[in-house]
Full PDB file with SEQRES, HELIX, SHEET, SSBOND, CRYST1, ORIGX, SCALE, CONECT and MASTER records, all heavy atoms in Angstrom:
SEQRES   1 A   30  VAL GLY ASN LYS LEU SER GLY PRO ILE PRO ALA TRP ILE          
SEQRES   2 A   30  GLY SER ASN MET GLN GLU LEU GLU ILE LEU SER LEU GLY          
SEQRES   3 A   30  SER ASN HIS PHE                                              
HELIX    1 AA1 TRP A   12  ASN A   16  1                                   5    
CRYST1    1.000    1.000    1.000  90.00  90.00  90.00 P 1           1          
ORIGX1      1.000000  0.000000  0.000000        0.00000                         
ORIGX2      0.000000  1.000000  0.000000        0.00000                         
ORIGX3      0.000000  0.000000  1.000000        0.00000                         
SCALE1      1.000000  0.000000  0.000000        0.00000                         
SCALE2      0.000000  1.000000  0.000000        0.00000                         
SCALE3      0.000000  0.000000  1.000000        0.00000                         
ATOM      1  N   VAL A   1     -11.063  -2.096  12.018  1.00  0.00           N  
ATOM      2  CA  VAL A   1     -12.149  -2.840  12.656  1.00  0.00           C  
ATOM      3  C   VAL A   1     -13.279  -3.082  11.654  1.00  0.00           C  
ATOM      4  O   VAL A   1     -13.563  -2.242  10.807  1.00  0.00           O  
ATOM      5  CB  VAL A   1     -12.691  -2.051  13.871  1.00  0.00           C  
ATOM      6  CG1 VAL A   1     -13.950  -2.680  14.428  1.00  0.00           C  
ATOM      7  CG2 VAL A   1     -11.635  -1.942  14.941  1.00  0.00           C  
ATOM      8  N   GLY A   2     -13.922  -4.240  11.756  1.00  0.00           N  
ATOM      9  CA  GLY A   2     -15.140  -4.493  11.006  1.00  0.00           C  
ATOM     10  C   GLY A   2     -14.949  -4.734   9.523  1.00  0.00           C  
ATOM     11  O   GLY A   2     -15.776  -4.312   8.730  1.00  0.00           O  
ATOM     12  N   ASN A   3     -13.875  -5.395   9.163  1.00  0.00           N  
ATOM     13  CA  ASN A   3     -13.659  -5.792   7.775  1.00  0.00           C  
ATOM     14  C   ASN A   3     -13.665  -7.319   7.722  1.00  0.00           C  
ATOM     15  O   ASN A   3     -14.191  -7.969   8.635  1.00  0.00           O  
ATOM     16  CB  ASN A   3     -12.340  -5.207   7.260  1.00  0.00           C  
ATOM     17  CG  ASN A   3     -12.464  -3.736   6.929  1.00  0.00           C  
ATOM     18  OD1 ASN A   3     -13.068  -3.368   5.938  1.00  0.00           O  
ATOM     19  ND2 ASN A   3     -11.899  -2.893   7.775  1.00  0.00           N  
ATOM     20  N   LYS A   4     -13.119  -7.886   6.694  1.00  0.00           N  
ATOM     21  CA  LYS A   4     -13.046  -9.341   6.561  1.00  0.00           C  
ATOM     22  C   LYS A   4     -11.608  -9.761   6.348  1.00  0.00           C  
ATOM     23  O   LYS A   4     -11.302 -10.654   5.571  1.00  0.00           O  
ATOM     24  CB  LYS A   4     -13.921  -9.793   5.389  1.00  0.00           C  
ATOM     25  CG  LYS A   4     -15.383  -9.454   5.588  1.00  0.00           C  
ATOM     26  CD  LYS A   4     -16.202  -9.744   4.363  1.00  0.00           C  
ATOM     27  CE  LYS A   4     -17.629  -9.270   4.586  1.00  0.00           C  
ATOM     28  NZ  LYS A   4     -18.410  -9.260   3.365  1.00  0.00           N  
ATOM     29  N   LEU A   5     -10.709  -9.099   7.067  1.00  0.00           N  
ATOM     30  CA  LEU A   5      -9.281  -9.362   6.926  1.00  0.00           C  
ATOM     31  C   LEU A   5      -8.926 -10.674   7.605  1.00  0.00           C  
ATOM     32  O   LEU A   5      -9.478 -11.019   8.647  1.00  0.00           O  
ATOM     33  CB  LEU A   5      -8.484  -8.211   7.535  1.00  0.00           C  
ATOM     34  CG  LEU A   5      -8.791  -6.852   6.914  1.00  0.00           C  
ATOM     35  CD1 LEU A   5      -8.113  -5.740   7.706  1.00  0.00           C  
ATOM     36  CD2 LEU A   5      -8.369  -6.816   5.466  1.00  0.00           C  
ATOM     37  N   SER A   6      -7.975 -11.393   7.032  1.00  0.00           N  
ATOM     38  CA  SER A   6      -7.609 -12.699   7.586  1.00  0.00           C  
ATOM     39  C   SER A   6      -6.096 -12.868   7.592  1.00  0.00           C  
ATOM     40  O   SER A   6      -5.365 -12.036   7.073  1.00  0.00           O  
ATOM     41  CB  SER A   6      -8.264 -13.811   6.768  1.00  0.00           C  
ATOM     42  OG  SER A   6      -7.803 -13.763   5.435  1.00  0.00           O  
ATOM     43  N   GLY A   7      -5.666 -13.958   8.188  1.00  0.00           N  
ATOM     44  CA  GLY A   7      -4.244 -14.261   8.279  1.00  0.00           C  
ATOM     45  C   GLY A   7      -3.686 -13.811   9.611  1.00  0.00           C  
ATOM     46  O   GLY A   7      -4.387 -13.236  10.445  1.00  0.00           O  
ATOM     47  N   PRO A   8      -2.412 -14.065   9.833  1.00  0.00           N  
ATOM     48  CA  PRO A   8      -1.784 -13.651  11.091  1.00  0.00           C  
ATOM     49  C   PRO A   8      -1.458 -12.159  11.077  1.00  0.00           C  
ATOM     50  O   PRO A   8      -1.363 -11.542  10.012  1.00  0.00           O  
ATOM     51  CB  PRO A   8      -0.500 -14.477  11.124  1.00  0.00           C  
ATOM     52  CG  PRO A   8      -0.171 -14.722   9.692  1.00  0.00           C  
ATOM     53  CD  PRO A   8      -1.505 -14.833   8.980  1.00  0.00           C  
ATOM     54  N   ILE A   9      -1.298 -11.585  12.250  1.00  0.00           N  
ATOM     55  CA  ILE A   9      -0.829 -10.208  12.356  1.00  0.00           C  
ATOM     56  C   ILE A   9       0.672 -10.228  12.097  1.00  0.00           C  
ATOM     57  O   ILE A   9       1.407 -10.967  12.745  1.00  0.00           O  
ATOM     58  CB  ILE A   9      -1.108  -9.625  13.753  1.00  0.00           C  
ATOM     59  CG1 ILE A   9      -2.603  -9.526  13.994  1.00  0.00           C  
ATOM     60  CG2 ILE A   9      -0.462  -8.260  13.904  1.00  0.00           C  
ATOM     61  CD1 ILE A   9      -2.956  -9.029  15.367  1.00  0.00           C  
ATOM     62  N   PRO A  10       1.150  -9.423  11.160  1.00  0.00           N  
ATOM     63  CA  PRO A  10       2.589  -9.431  10.876  1.00  0.00           C  
ATOM     64  C   PRO A  10       3.397  -8.825  12.022  1.00  0.00           C  
ATOM     65  O   PRO A  10       2.976  -7.850  12.640  1.00  0.00           O  
ATOM     66  CB  PRO A  10       2.716  -8.604   9.608  1.00  0.00           C  
ATOM     67  CG  PRO A  10       1.478  -7.799   9.530  1.00  0.00           C  
ATOM     68  CD  PRO A  10       0.412  -8.532  10.273  1.00  0.00           C  
ATOM     69  N   ALA A  11       4.550  -9.402  12.277  1.00  0.00           N  
ATOM     70  CA  ALA A  11       5.408  -8.943  13.367  1.00  0.00           C  
ATOM     71  C   ALA A  11       5.875  -7.508  13.175  1.00  0.00           C  
ATOM     72  O   ALA A  11       6.128  -6.797  14.143  1.00  0.00           O  
ATOM     73  CB  ALA A  11       6.609  -9.876  13.505  1.00  0.00           C  
ATOM     74  N   TRP A  12       5.960  -7.036  11.923  1.00  0.00           N  
ATOM     75  CA  TRP A  12       6.476  -5.690  11.698  1.00  0.00           C  
ATOM     76  C   TRP A  12       5.578  -4.601  12.253  1.00  0.00           C  
ATOM     77  O   TRP A  12       6.006  -3.464  12.401  1.00  0.00           O  
ATOM     78  CB  TRP A  12       6.818  -5.436  10.234  1.00  0.00           C  
ATOM     79  CG  TRP A  12       5.762  -5.691   9.212  1.00  0.00           C  
ATOM     80  CD1 TRP A  12       5.676  -6.760   8.378  1.00  0.00           C  
ATOM     81  CD2 TRP A  12       4.645  -4.861   8.878  1.00  0.00           C  
ATOM     82  NE1 TRP A  12       4.582  -6.646   7.558  1.00  0.00           N  
ATOM     83  CE2 TRP A  12       3.930  -5.487   7.840  1.00  0.00           C  
ATOM     84  CE3 TRP A  12       4.180  -3.639   9.356  1.00  0.00           C  
ATOM     85  CZ2 TRP A  12       2.779  -4.943   7.279  1.00  0.00           C  
ATOM     86  CZ3 TRP A  12       3.026  -3.099   8.793  1.00  0.00           C  
ATOM     87  CH2 TRP A  12       2.344  -3.751   7.775  1.00  0.00           C  
ATOM     88  N   ILE A  13       4.328  -4.917  12.586  1.00  0.00           N  
ATOM     89  CA  ILE A  13       3.484  -3.885  13.212  1.00  0.00           C  
ATOM     90  C   ILE A  13       4.097  -3.473  14.538  1.00  0.00           C  
ATOM     91  O   ILE A  13       4.217  -2.297  14.835  1.00  0.00           O  
ATOM     92  CB  ILE A  13       2.030  -4.367  13.388  1.00  0.00           C  
ATOM     93  CG1 ILE A  13       1.313  -4.303  12.053  1.00  0.00           C  
ATOM     94  CG2 ILE A  13       1.290  -3.508  14.412  1.00  0.00           C  
ATOM     95  CD1 ILE A  13      -0.151  -4.604  12.110  1.00  0.00           C  
ATOM     96  N   GLY A  14       4.521  -4.432  15.324  1.00  0.00           N  
ATOM     97  CA  GLY A  14       5.154  -4.113  16.604  1.00  0.00           C  
ATOM     98  C   GLY A  14       6.564  -3.592  16.452  1.00  0.00           C  
ATOM     99  O   GLY A  14       7.000  -2.716  17.196  1.00  0.00           O  
ATOM    100  N   SER A  15       7.272  -4.085  15.473  1.00  0.00           N  
ATOM    101  CA  SER A  15       8.665  -3.672  15.271  1.00  0.00           C  
ATOM    102  C   SER A  15       8.787  -2.284  14.664  1.00  0.00           C  
ATOM    103  O   SER A  15       9.638  -1.499  15.068  1.00  0.00           O  
ATOM    104  CB  SER A  15       9.387  -4.669  14.361  1.00  0.00           C  
ATOM    105  OG  SER A  15       9.420  -5.942  14.945  1.00  0.00           O  
ATOM    106  N   ASN A  16       7.957  -1.976  13.673  1.00  0.00           N  
ATOM    107  CA  ASN A  16       8.114  -0.736  12.917  1.00  0.00           C  
ATOM    108  C   ASN A  16       7.146   0.367  13.316  1.00  0.00           C  
ATOM    109  O   ASN A  16       7.286   1.492  12.856  1.00  0.00           O  
ATOM    110  CB  ASN A  16       7.939  -1.009  11.422  1.00  0.00           C  
ATOM    111  CG  ASN A  16       9.025  -1.877  10.867  1.00  0.00           C  
ATOM    112  OD1 ASN A  16       9.666  -2.616  11.579  1.00  0.00           O  
ATOM    113  ND2 ASN A  16       9.239  -1.795   9.582  1.00  0.00           N  
ATOM    114  N   MET A  17       6.154   0.056  14.105  1.00  0.00           N  
ATOM    115  CA  MET A  17       5.152   1.055  14.482  1.00  0.00           C  
ATOM    116  C   MET A  17       5.085   1.182  15.999  1.00  0.00           C  
ATOM    117  O   MET A  17       4.010   1.249  16.584  1.00  0.00           O  
ATOM    118  CB  MET A  17       3.789   0.666  13.917  1.00  0.00           C  
ATOM    119  CG  MET A  17       3.756   0.564  12.424  1.00  0.00           C  
ATOM    120  SD  MET A  17       2.121   0.040  11.855  1.00  0.00           S  
ATOM    121  CE  MET A  17       2.076   0.814  10.258  1.00  0.00           C  
ATOM    122  N   GLN A  18       6.237   1.257  16.636  1.00  0.00           N  
ATOM    123  CA  GLN A  18       6.316   1.217  18.091  1.00  0.00           C  
ATOM    124  C   GLN A  18       5.626   2.378  18.782  1.00  0.00           C  
ATOM    125  O   GLN A  18       5.286   2.287  19.946  1.00  0.00           O  
ATOM    126  CB  GLN A  18       7.770   1.135  18.534  1.00  0.00           C  
ATOM    127  CG  GLN A  18       8.426  -0.153  18.123  1.00  0.00           C  
ATOM    128  CD  GLN A  18       9.870  -0.222  18.538  1.00  0.00           C  
ATOM    129  OE1 GLN A  18      10.359   0.615  19.288  1.00  0.00           O  
ATOM    130  NE2 GLN A  18      10.572  -1.228  18.053  1.00  0.00           N  
ATOM    131  N   GLU A  19       5.404   3.478  18.088  1.00  0.00           N  
ATOM    132  CA  GLU A  19       4.789   4.651  18.699  1.00  0.00           C  
ATOM    133  C   GLU A  19       3.270   4.672  18.558  1.00  0.00           C  
ATOM    134  O   GLU A  19       2.628   5.639  18.987  1.00  0.00           O  
ATOM    135  CB  GLU A  19       5.376   5.925  18.089  1.00  0.00           C  
ATOM    136  CG  GLU A  19       6.875   6.061  18.291  1.00  0.00           C  
ATOM    137  CD  GLU A  19       7.287   6.038  19.752  1.00  0.00           C  
ATOM    138  OE1 GLU A  19       6.590   6.660  20.584  1.00  0.00           O  
ATOM    139  OE2 GLU A  19       8.302   5.395  20.073  1.00  0.00           O  
ATOM    140  N   LEU A  20       2.681   3.638  17.957  1.00  0.00           N  
ATOM    141  CA  LEU A  20       1.219   3.607  17.825  1.00  0.00           C  
ATOM    142  C   LEU A  20       0.557   3.752  19.184  1.00  0.00           C  
ATOM    143  O   LEU A  20       0.938   3.096  20.146  1.00  0.00           O  
ATOM    144  CB  LEU A  20       0.763   2.290  17.198  1.00  0.00           C  
ATOM    145  CG  LEU A  20       0.646   2.211  15.694  1.00  0.00           C  
ATOM    146  CD1 LEU A  20       0.172   0.821  15.283  1.00  0.00           C  
ATOM    147  CD2 LEU A  20      -0.254   3.261  15.114  1.00  0.00           C  
ATOM    148  N   GLU A  21      -0.456   4.586  19.248  1.00  0.00           N  
ATOM    149  CA  GLU A  21      -1.233   4.757  20.466  1.00  0.00           C  
ATOM    150  C   GLU A  21      -2.516   3.929  20.415  1.00  0.00           C  
ATOM    151  O   GLU A  21      -2.991   3.459  21.434  1.00  0.00           O  
ATOM    152  CB  GLU A  21      -1.561   6.233  20.672  1.00  0.00           C  
ATOM    153  CG  GLU A  21      -0.320   7.070  20.907  1.00  0.00           C  
ATOM    154  CD  GLU A  21      -0.617   8.555  20.954  1.00  0.00           C  
ATOM    155  OE1 GLU A  21      -1.809   8.964  20.898  1.00  0.00           O  
ATOM    156  OE2 GLU A  21       0.356   9.328  21.047  1.00  0.00           O  
ATOM    157  N   ILE A  22      -3.077   3.770  19.217  1.00  0.00           N  
ATOM    158  CA  ILE A  22      -4.310   3.007  19.038  1.00  0.00           C  
ATOM    159  C   ILE A  22      -4.113   2.030  17.889  1.00  0.00           C  
ATOM    160  O   ILE A  22      -3.746   2.426  16.789  1.00  0.00           O  
ATOM    161  CB  ILE A  22      -5.508   3.931  18.734  1.00  0.00           C  
ATOM    162  CG1 ILE A  22      -5.740   4.893  19.897  1.00  0.00           C  
ATOM    163  CG2 ILE A  22      -6.760   3.114  18.427  1.00  0.00           C  
ATOM    164  CD1 ILE A  22      -6.757   5.987  19.607  1.00  0.00           C  
ATOM    165  N   LEU A  23      -4.343   0.760  18.166  1.00  0.00           N  
ATOM    166  CA  LEU A  23      -4.312  -0.283  17.142  1.00  0.00           C  
ATOM    167  C   LEU A  23      -5.607  -1.061  17.266  1.00  0.00           C  
ATOM    168  O   LEU A  23      -5.836  -1.781  18.238  1.00  0.00           O  
ATOM    169  CB  LEU A  23      -3.103  -1.203  17.323  1.00  0.00           C  
ATOM    170  CG  LEU A  23      -2.985  -2.367  16.343  1.00  0.00           C  
ATOM    171  CD1 LEU A  23      -2.911  -1.872  14.900  1.00  0.00           C  
ATOM    172  CD2 LEU A  23      -1.766  -3.218  16.674  1.00  0.00           C  
ATOM    173  N   SER A  24      -6.494  -0.899  16.290  1.00  0.00           N  
ATOM    174  CA  SER A  24      -7.821  -1.515  16.328  1.00  0.00           C  
ATOM    175  C   SER A  24      -7.946  -2.510  15.189  1.00  0.00           C  
ATOM    176  O   SER A  24      -8.088  -2.127  14.030  1.00  0.00           O  
ATOM    177  CB  SER A  24      -8.911  -0.449  16.201  1.00  0.00           C  
ATOM    178  OG  SER A  24      -8.873   0.433  17.288  1.00  0.00           O  
ATOM    179  N   LEU A  25      -7.896  -3.798  15.532  1.00  0.00           N  
ATOM    180  CA  LEU A  25      -7.983  -4.875  14.549  1.00  0.00           C  
ATOM    181  C   LEU A  25      -9.209  -5.750  14.771  1.00  0.00           C  
ATOM    182  O   LEU A  25      -9.352  -6.797  14.154  1.00  0.00           O  
ATOM    183  CB  LEU A  25      -6.722  -5.751  14.632  1.00  0.00           C  
ATOM    184  CG  LEU A  25      -5.377  -5.037  14.507  1.00  0.00           C  
ATOM    185  CD1 LEU A  25      -4.239  -6.013  14.702  1.00  0.00           C  
ATOM    186  CD2 LEU A  25      -5.262  -4.337  13.174  1.00  0.00           C  
ATOM    187  N   GLY A  26     -10.114  -5.337  15.639  1.00  0.00           N  
ATOM    188  CA  GLY A  26     -11.259  -6.143  16.032  1.00  0.00           C  
ATOM    189  C   GLY A  26     -12.229  -6.461  14.906  1.00  0.00           C  
ATOM    190  O   GLY A  26     -12.255  -5.807  13.860  1.00  0.00           O  
ATOM    191  N   SER A  27     -13.025  -7.485  15.130  1.00  0.00           N  
ATOM    192  CA  SER A  27     -14.101  -7.904  14.227  1.00  0.00           C  
ATOM    193  C   SER A  27     -13.623  -8.166  12.803  1.00  0.00           C  
ATOM    194  O   SER A  27     -14.147  -7.628  11.830  1.00  0.00           O  
ATOM    195  CB  SER A  27     -15.233  -6.868  14.212  1.00  0.00           C  
ATOM    196  OG  SER A  27     -15.801  -6.764  15.496  1.00  0.00           O  
ATOM    197  N   ASN A  28     -12.609  -9.003  12.691  1.00  0.00           N  
ATOM    198  CA  ASN A  28     -12.089  -9.465  11.415  1.00  0.00           C  
ATOM    199  C   ASN A  28     -11.972 -10.979  11.484  1.00  0.00           C  
ATOM    200  O   ASN A  28     -12.649 -11.612  12.298  1.00  0.00           O  
ATOM    201  CB  ASN A  28     -10.734  -8.799  11.123  1.00  0.00           C  
ATOM    202  CG  ASN A  28     -10.886  -7.404  10.580  1.00  0.00           C  
ATOM    203  OD1 ASN A  28     -11.260  -7.204   9.437  1.00  0.00           O  
ATOM    204  ND2 ASN A  28     -10.596  -6.406  11.414  1.00  0.00           N  
ATOM    205  N   HIS A  29     -11.133 -11.553  10.657  1.00  0.00           N  
ATOM    206  CA  HIS A  29     -10.903 -12.996  10.660  1.00  0.00           C  
ATOM    207  C   HIS A  29      -9.428 -13.309  10.854  1.00  0.00           C  
ATOM    208  O   HIS A  29      -8.923 -14.296  10.329  1.00  0.00           O  
ATOM    209  CB  HIS A  29     -11.403 -13.615   9.344  1.00  0.00           C  
ATOM    210  CG  HIS A  29     -12.848 -13.355   9.069  1.00  0.00           C  
ATOM    211  ND1 HIS A  29     -13.862 -13.981   9.764  1.00  0.00           N  
ATOM    212  CD2 HIS A  29     -13.461 -12.518   8.197  1.00  0.00           C  
ATOM    213  CE1 HIS A  29     -15.024 -13.548   9.321  1.00  0.00           C  
ATOM    214  NE2 HIS A  29     -14.803 -12.657   8.370  1.00  0.00           N  
ATOM    215  N   PHE A  30      -8.728 -12.461  11.614  1.00  0.00           N  
ATOM    216  CA  PHE A  30      -7.320 -12.721  11.888  1.00  0.00           C  
ATOM    217  C   PHE A  30      -7.204 -14.020  12.663  1.00  0.00           C  
ATOM    218  O   PHE A  30      -8.091 -14.390  13.436  1.00  0.00           O  
ATOM    219  CB  PHE A  30      -6.707 -11.579  12.697  1.00  0.00           C  
ATOM    220  CG  PHE A  30      -6.604 -10.294  11.940  1.00  0.00           C  
ATOM    221  CD1 PHE A  30      -7.209  -9.145  12.409  1.00  0.00           C  
ATOM    222  CD2 PHE A  30      -5.898 -10.213  10.749  1.00  0.00           C  
ATOM    223  CE1 PHE A  30      -7.119  -7.954  11.727  1.00  0.00           C  
ATOM    224  CE2 PHE A  30      -5.797  -9.030  10.052  1.00  0.00           C  
ATOM    225  CZ  PHE A  30      -6.410  -7.897  10.541  1.00  0.00           C  
TER     226      PHE A  30                                                      
MASTER        0    0    0    1    0    0    0    6  225    1    0    3          
END                                                                             
């Protein structure tokens, strides 16, 4: 959260990190 990251979210986050409990990508430039 709170960086200047851009681009699309890669599909492998959902495919390879299925057990994630918290995913915080807010306040960027995705």
